[in-house]
Amino acid sequence: MPAYYNNYNGIKDEFGSKVLNPAGIDLTPAVAAWIGLGQYQNGRTTHTCPS
Protein backbone atom coordinates (compact mmCIF):
# COMPACT_ATOMS: atom_id res chain seq x y z
CA MET A 1 0.00 0.00 0.00
CA PRO A 2 1.41 3.43 -0.88
CA ALA A 3 2.78 5.66 1.87
CA TYR A 4 -0.03 8.17 1.31
CA TYR A 5 -2.67 5.64 2.30
CA ASN A 6 -0.65 4.42 5.28
CA ASN A 7 -0.39 7.95 6.73
CA TYR A 8 3.40 7.81 6.34
CA ASN A 9 5.01 10.98 7.75
CA GLY A 10 1.55 12.38 8.51
CA ILE A 11 0.87 12.53 4.73
CA LYS A 12 3.46 15.31 4.43
CA ASP A 13 6.32 15.67 2.00
CA GLU A 14 9.94 16.37 2.95
CA PHE A 15 9.12 20.09 3.28
CA GLY A 16 6.18 19.54 5.64
CA SER A 17 3.51 20.27 3.02
CA LYS A 18 0.43 18.05 2.95
CA VAL A 19 0.39 15.72 -0.06
CA LEU A 20 -2.82 16.29 -2.03
CA ASN A 21 -2.11 14.04 -5.03
CA PRO A 22 -0.58 10.71 -3.99
CA ALA A 23 -0.17 9.62 -7.61
CA GLY A 24 2.12 12.35 -8.92
CA ILE A 25 5.91 12.26 -9.11
CA ASP A 26 8.22 14.65 -10.90
CA LEU A 27 11.00 13.43 -13.15
CA THR A 28 13.80 15.34 -14.78
CA PRO A 29 13.64 15.45 -18.59
CA ALA A 30 16.66 13.14 -18.73
CA VAL A 31 15.02 10.50 -16.52
CA ALA A 32 11.74 10.78 -18.45
CA ALA A 33 13.61 10.19 -21.72
CA TRP A 34 15.54 7.30 -20.14
CA ILE A 35 12.29 5.47 -19.32
CA GLY A 36 10.80 6.20 -22.73
CA LEU A 37 8.55 9.19 -22.08
CA GLY A 38 8.45 12.03 -24.59
CA GLN A 39 8.46 15.71 -23.70
CA TYR A 40 5.34 16.61 -21.67
CA GLN A 41 4.11 13.02 -21.88
CA ASN A 42 2.42 11.32 -18.95
CA GLY A 43 2.64 7.64 -18.22
CA ARG A 44 2.41 4.95 -15.62
CA THR A 45 5.54 3.70 -13.97
CA THR A 46 6.55 1.45 -11.13
CA HIS A 47 9.33 2.29 -8.77
CA THR A 48 11.19 0.71 -5.89
CA CYS A 49 12.54 2.62 -2.95
CA PRO A 50 15.59 1.30 -1.16
CA SER A 51 14.84 0.03 2.32
C-alpha atoms as a PDB file:
ATOM      1  CA  MET A   1       0.000   0.000   0.000  1.00  0.00           C
ATOM      2  CA  PRO A   2       1.413   3.430  -0.876  1.00  0.00           C
ATOM      3  CA  ALA A   3       2.775   5.656   1.872  1.00  0.00           C
ATOM      4  CA  TYR A   4      -0.032   8.172   1.309  1.00  0.00           C
ATOM      5  CA  TYR A   5      -2.667   5.640   2.301  1.00  0.00           C
ATOM      6  CA  ASN A   6      -0.649   4.418   5.281  1.00  0.00           C
ATOM      7  CA  ASN A   7      -0.390   7.951   6.728  1.00  0.00           C
ATOM      8  CA  TYR A   8       3.397   7.807   6.342  1.00  0.00           C
ATOM      9  CA  ASN A   9       5.010  10.978   7.753  1.00  0.00           C
ATOM     10  CA  GLY A  10       1.549  12.378   8.512  1.00  0.00           C
ATOM     11  CA  ILE A  11       0.872  12.532   4.731  1.00  0.00           C
ATOM     12  CA  LYS A  12       3.459  15.312   4.426  1.00  0.00           C
ATOM     13  CA  ASP A  13       6.323  15.670   1.998  1.00  0.00           C
ATOM     14  CA  GLU A  14       9.936  16.366   2.952  1.00  0.00           C
ATOM     15  CA  PHE A  15       9.125  20.085   3.283  1.00  0.00           C
ATOM     16  CA  GLY A  16       6.180  19.543   5.635  1.00  0.00           C
ATOM     17  CA  SER A  17       3.507  20.270   3.023  1.00  0.00           C
ATOM     18  CA  LYS A  18       0.434  18.051   2.949  1.00  0.00           C
ATOM     19  CA  VAL A  19       0.391  15.723  -0.061  1.00  0.00           C
ATOM     20  CA  LEU A  20      -2.823  16.288  -2.027  1.00  0.00           C
ATOM     21  CA  ASN A  21      -2.107  14.041  -5.031  1.00  0.00           C
ATOM     22  CA  PRO A  22      -0.581  10.711  -3.994  1.00  0.00           C
ATOM     23  CA  ALA A  23      -0.166   9.621  -7.612  1.00  0.00           C
ATOM     24  CA  GLY A  24       2.124  12.348  -8.915  1.00  0.00           C
ATOM     25  CA  ILE A  25       5.907  12.262  -9.105  1.00  0.00           C
ATOM     26  CA  ASP A  26       8.216  14.655 -10.901  1.00  0.00           C
ATOM     27  CA  LEU A  27      10.996  13.426 -13.151  1.00  0.00           C
ATOM     28  CA  THR A  28      13.797  15.336 -14.782  1.00  0.00           C
ATOM     29  CA  PRO A  29      13.641  15.454 -18.592  1.00  0.00           C
ATOM     30  CA  ALA A  30      16.663  13.143 -18.731  1.00  0.00           C
ATOM     31  CA  VAL A  31      15.015  10.504 -16.520  1.00  0.00           C
ATOM     32  CA  ALA A  32      11.743  10.781 -18.445  1.00  0.00           C
ATOM     33  CA  ALA A  33      13.615  10.185 -21.720  1.00  0.00           C
ATOM     34  CA  TRP A  34      15.541   7.296 -20.140  1.00  0.00           C
ATOM     35  CA  ILE A  35      12.291   5.465 -19.320  1.00  0.00           C
ATOM     36  CA  GLY A  36      10.804   6.204 -22.735  1.00  0.00           C
ATOM     37  CA  LEU A  37       8.552   9.190 -22.081  1.00  0.00           C
ATOM     38  CA  GLY A  38       8.449  12.030 -24.587  1.00  0.00           C
ATOM     39  CA  GLN A  39       8.461  15.709 -23.700  1.00  0.00           C
ATOM     40  CA  TYR A  40       5.342  16.614 -21.675  1.00  0.00           C
ATOM     41  CA  GLN A  41       4.108  13.024 -21.881  1.00  0.00           C
ATOM     42  CA  ASN A  42       2.415  11.317 -18.946  1.00  0.00           C
ATOM     43  CA  GLY A  43       2.645   7.635 -18.222  1.00  0.00           C
ATOM     44  CA  ARG A  44       2.412   4.949 -15.617  1.00  0.00           C
ATOM     45  CA  THR A  45       5.543   3.702 -13.967  1.00  0.00           C
ATOM     46  CA  THR A  46       6.547   1.447 -11.129  1.00  0.00           C
ATOM     47  CA  HIS A  47       9.335   2.292  -8.773  1.00  0.00           C
ATOM     48  CA  THR A  48      11.186   0.710  -5.890  1.00  0.00           C
ATOM     49  CA  CYS A  49      12.536   2.624  -2.950  1.00  0.00           C
ATOM     50  CA  PRO A  50      15.591   1.299  -1.157  1.00  0.00           C
ATOM     51  CA  SER A  51      14.836   0.030   2.317  1.00  0.00           C
END
